[in-house]
Amino acid sequence: MIVIKKNTGGEGLTCKDSTTNREKKNEQSTFKASRRQKLVRFELGDWVWVHIRNKSFPEQRRSKLMPRGDGPFQIIKKINDNPYTMDLPCEYGVSATFNIDDLFFFLM
């Protein structure tokens, strides 16, 4: 036998319950999104390759067949966890500060 309960309106989720449910869902989605990310940190003096993007280096990326990376360059300043300043030659004509997404370790 199936019993169906009728909702009388006052038995729903309270504001406190919905807040805790929302916080729990936010934690789950944050965990799922960040579980495959690697934590990469560079130190002063490390040698890195710089990923050349069309926006950053318009002259060095004129065609698809040109190299996508250049380097090695030495890190001379750590601004935060994301931006780093490189010892970049003046011939590039761009800022020497790059995001961590554009940097890769250079193994000697």
C-alpha atoms as a PDB file:
ATOM      1  CA  MET A   1       0.000   0.000   0.000  1.00  0.00           C
ATOM      2  CA  ILE A   2       1.340   3.462  -0.959  1.00  0.00           C
ATOM      3  CA  VAL A   3       0.855   6.330   1.445  1.00  0.00           C
ATOM      4  CA  ILE A   4       1.041   9.870   0.064  1.00  0.00           C
ATOM      5  CA  LYS A   5       1.692  12.686   2.489  1.00  0.00           C
ATOM      6  CA  LYS A   6       0.216  16.040   1.738  1.00  0.00           C
ATOM      7  CA  ASN A   7       2.483  19.073   2.141  1.00  0.00           C
ATOM      8  CA  THR A   8       0.748  21.637   4.313  1.00  0.00           C
ATOM      9  CA  GLY A   9       3.093  24.479   3.411  1.00  0.00           C
ATOM     10  CA  GLY A  10       4.871  24.831   6.737  1.00  0.00           C
ATOM     11  CA  GLU A  11       6.940  21.653   6.455  1.00  0.00           C
ATOM     12  CA  GLY A  12       9.369  22.770   3.707  1.00  0.00           C
ATOM     13  CA  LEU A  13      13.044  23.566   4.020  1.00  0.00           C
ATOM     14  CA  THR A  14      13.933  26.423   6.285  1.00  0.00           C
ATOM     15  CA  CYS A  15      16.292  29.197   5.291  1.00  0.00           C
ATOM     16  CA  LYS A  16      19.008  27.649   7.454  1.00  0.00           C
ATOM     17  CA  ASP A  17      18.625  24.256   5.756  1.00  0.00           C
ATOM     18  CA  SER A  18      18.785  25.723   2.267  1.00  0.00           C
ATOM     19  CA  THR A  19      21.895  27.746   3.193  1.00  0.00           C
ATOM     20  CA  THR A  20      23.715  24.668   4.474  1.00  0.00           C
ATOM     21  CA  ASN A  21      22.661  22.689   1.386  1.00  0.00           C
ATOM     22  CA  ARG A  22      23.928  25.462  -0.889  1.00  0.00           C
ATOM     23  CA  GLU A  23      27.245  25.650   0.981  1.00  0.00           C
ATOM     24  CA  LYS A  24      27.639  21.877   0.743  1.00  0.00           C
ATOM     25  CA  LYS A  25      26.990  21.953  -3.025  1.00  0.00           C
ATOM     26  CA  ASN A  26      29.495  24.802  -3.447  1.00  0.00           C
ATOM     27  CA  GLU A  27      32.173  22.804  -1.619  1.00  0.00           C
ATOM     28  CA  GLN A  28      31.482  19.739  -3.776  1.00  0.00           C
ATOM     29  CA  SER A  29      31.683  21.677  -7.037  1.00  0.00           C
ATOM     30  CA  THR A  30      34.874  23.462  -5.935  1.00  0.00           C
ATOM     31  CA  PHE A  31      36.466  20.130  -5.048  1.00  0.00           C
ATOM     32  CA  LYS A  32      35.485  18.578  -8.389  1.00  0.00           C
ATOM     33  CA  ALA A  33      36.774  21.555 -10.362  1.00  0.00           C
ATOM     34  CA  SER A  34      40.137  21.765  -8.613  1.00  0.00           C
ATOM     35  CA  ARG A  35      41.083  18.121  -8.069  1.00  0.00           C
ATOM     36  CA  ARG A  36      42.998  17.820 -11.368  1.00  0.00           C
ATOM     37  CA  GLN A  37      44.879  21.096 -11.026  1.00  0.00           C
ATOM     38  CA  LYS A  38      48.539  20.998 -10.125  1.00  0.00           C
ATOM     39  CA  LEU A  39      49.940  23.432  -7.634  1.00  0.00           C
ATOM     40  CA  VAL A  40      52.945  25.009  -9.376  1.00  0.00           C
ATOM     41  CA  ARG A  41      55.142  27.587  -7.687  1.00  0.00           C
ATOM     42  CA  PHE A  42      58.350  29.080  -9.033  1.00  0.00           C
ATOM     43  CA  GLU A  43      61.209  30.496  -6.993  1.00  0.00           C
ATOM     44  CA  LEU A  44      63.506  33.403  -7.791  1.00  0.00           C
ATOM     45  CA  GLY A  45      66.255  32.289 -10.149  1.00  0.00           C
ATOM     46  CA  ASP A  46      64.259  29.415 -11.707  1.00  0.00           C
ATOM     47  CA  TRP A  47      64.499  28.998 -15.475  1.00  0.00           C
ATOM     48  CA  VAL A  48      61.189  28.802 -17.351  1.00  0.00           C
ATOM     49  CA  TRP A  49      59.767  28.573 -20.855  1.00  0.00           C
ATOM     50  CA  VAL A  50      57.199  31.201 -21.845  1.00  0.00           C
ATOM     51  CA  HIS A  51      54.134  30.158 -23.839  1.00  0.00           C
ATOM     52  CA  ILE A  52      53.778  32.567 -26.769  1.00  0.00           C
ATOM     53  CA  ARG A  53      50.190  33.692 -27.330  1.00  0.00           C
ATOM     54  CA  ASN A  54      48.939  35.719 -30.276  1.00  0.00           C
ATOM     55  CA  LYS A  55      47.883  38.605 -28.022  1.00  0.00           C
ATOM     56  CA  SER A  56      51.131  38.761 -26.072  1.00  0.00           C
ATOM     57  CA  PHE A  57      53.570  38.306 -28.961  1.00  0.00           C
ATOM     58  CA  PRO A  58      51.949  39.447 -32.225  1.00  0.00           C
ATOM     59  CA  GLU A  59      55.265  39.531 -34.138  1.00  0.00           C
ATOM     60  CA  GLN A  60      56.513  36.116 -32.963  1.00  0.00           C
ATOM     61  CA  ARG A  61      53.216  34.318 -33.740  1.00  0.00           C
ATOM     62  CA  ARG A  62      52.407  35.333 -37.306  1.00  0.00           C
ATOM     63  CA  SER A  63      51.601  31.801 -38.465  1.00  0.00           C
ATOM     64  CA  LYS A  64      50.575  28.453 -37.022  1.00  0.00           C
ATOM     65  CA  LEU A  65      53.928  26.873 -37.847  1.00  0.00           C
ATOM     66  CA  MET A  66      56.037  29.211 -35.732  1.00  0.00           C
ATOM     67  CA  PRO A  67      57.199  28.048 -32.288  1.00  0.00           C
ATOM     68  CA  ARG A  68      54.700  28.325 -29.451  1.00  0.00           C
ATOM     69  CA  GLY A  69      57.255  28.673 -26.687  1.00  0.00           C
ATOM     70  CA  ASP A  70      60.427  30.608 -26.135  1.00  0.00           C
ATOM     71  CA  GLY A  71      63.111  30.612 -23.533  1.00  0.00           C
ATOM     72  CA  PRO A  72      64.621  29.771 -21.220  1.00  0.00           C
ATOM     73  CA  PHE A  73      64.207  32.930 -19.169  1.00  0.00           C
ATOM     74  CA  GLN A  74      65.116  33.463 -15.543  1.00  0.00           C
ATOM     75  CA  ILE A  75      62.560  34.601 -12.972  1.00  0.00           C
ATOM     76  CA  ILE A  76      63.753  37.817 -11.357  1.00  0.00           C
ATOM     77  CA  LYS A  77      60.671  38.811  -9.323  1.00  0.00           C
ATOM     78  CA  LYS A  78      57.682  37.050  -7.794  1.00  0.00           C
ATOM     79  CA  ILE A  79      54.753  39.456  -7.574  1.00  0.00           C
ATOM     80  CA  ASN A  80      52.156  37.065  -6.167  1.00  0.00           C
ATOM     81  CA  ASP A  81      51.300  33.377  -6.564  1.00  0.00           C
ATOM     82  CA  ASN A  82      50.193  33.996 -10.183  1.00  0.00           C
ATOM     83  CA  PRO A  83      52.304  36.752 -11.829  1.00  0.00           C
ATOM     84  CA  TYR A  84      56.071  36.536 -12.234  1.00  0.00           C
ATOM     85  CA  THR A  85      58.571  38.901 -13.851  1.00  0.00           C
ATOM     86  CA  MET A  86      61.147  37.448 -16.238  1.00  0.00           C
ATOM     87  CA  ASP A  87      64.534  38.611 -17.474  1.00  0.00           C
ATOM     88  CA  LEU A  88      63.100  39.173 -20.961  1.00  0.00           C
ATOM     89  CA  PRO A  89      65.185  40.811 -23.725  1.00  0.00           C
ATOM     90  CA  CYS A  90      64.031  44.237 -24.976  1.00  0.00           C
ATOM     91  CA  GLU A  91      63.636  42.931 -28.543  1.00  0.00           C
ATOM     92  CA  TYR A  92      60.301  41.324 -27.639  1.00  0.00           C
ATOM     93  CA  GLY A  93      58.662  44.685 -27.003  1.00  0.00           C
ATOM     94  CA  VAL A  94      56.176  43.357 -24.414  1.00  0.00           C
ATOM     95  CA  SER A  95      55.887  43.466 -20.643  1.00  0.00           C
ATOM     96  CA  ALA A  96      58.189  41.058 -18.813  1.00  0.00           C
ATOM     97  CA  THR A  97      55.415  40.043 -16.371  1.00  0.00           C
ATOM     98  CA  PHE A  98      53.565  36.802 -17.125  1.00  0.00           C
ATOM     99  CA  ASN A  99      50.822  34.755 -15.529  1.00  0.00           C
ATOM    100  CA  ILE A 100      51.685  31.306 -14.199  1.00  0.00           C
ATOM    101  CA  ASP A 101      49.514  29.733 -16.947  1.00  0.00           C
ATOM    102  CA  ASP A 102      52.060  30.891 -19.551  1.00  0.00           C
ATOM    103  CA  LEU A 103      55.138  29.529 -17.723  1.00  0.00           C
ATOM    104  CA  PHE A 104      56.647  26.037 -17.789  1.00  0.00           C
ATOM    105  CA  PHE A 105      59.693  24.647 -15.981  1.00  0.00           C
ATOM    106  CA  PHE A 106      62.903  24.445 -17.970  1.00  0.00           C
ATOM    107  CA  LEU A 107      64.909  21.393 -16.952  1.00  0.00           C
ATOM    108  CA  MET A 108      68.667  21.693 -17.340  1.00  0.00           C
END
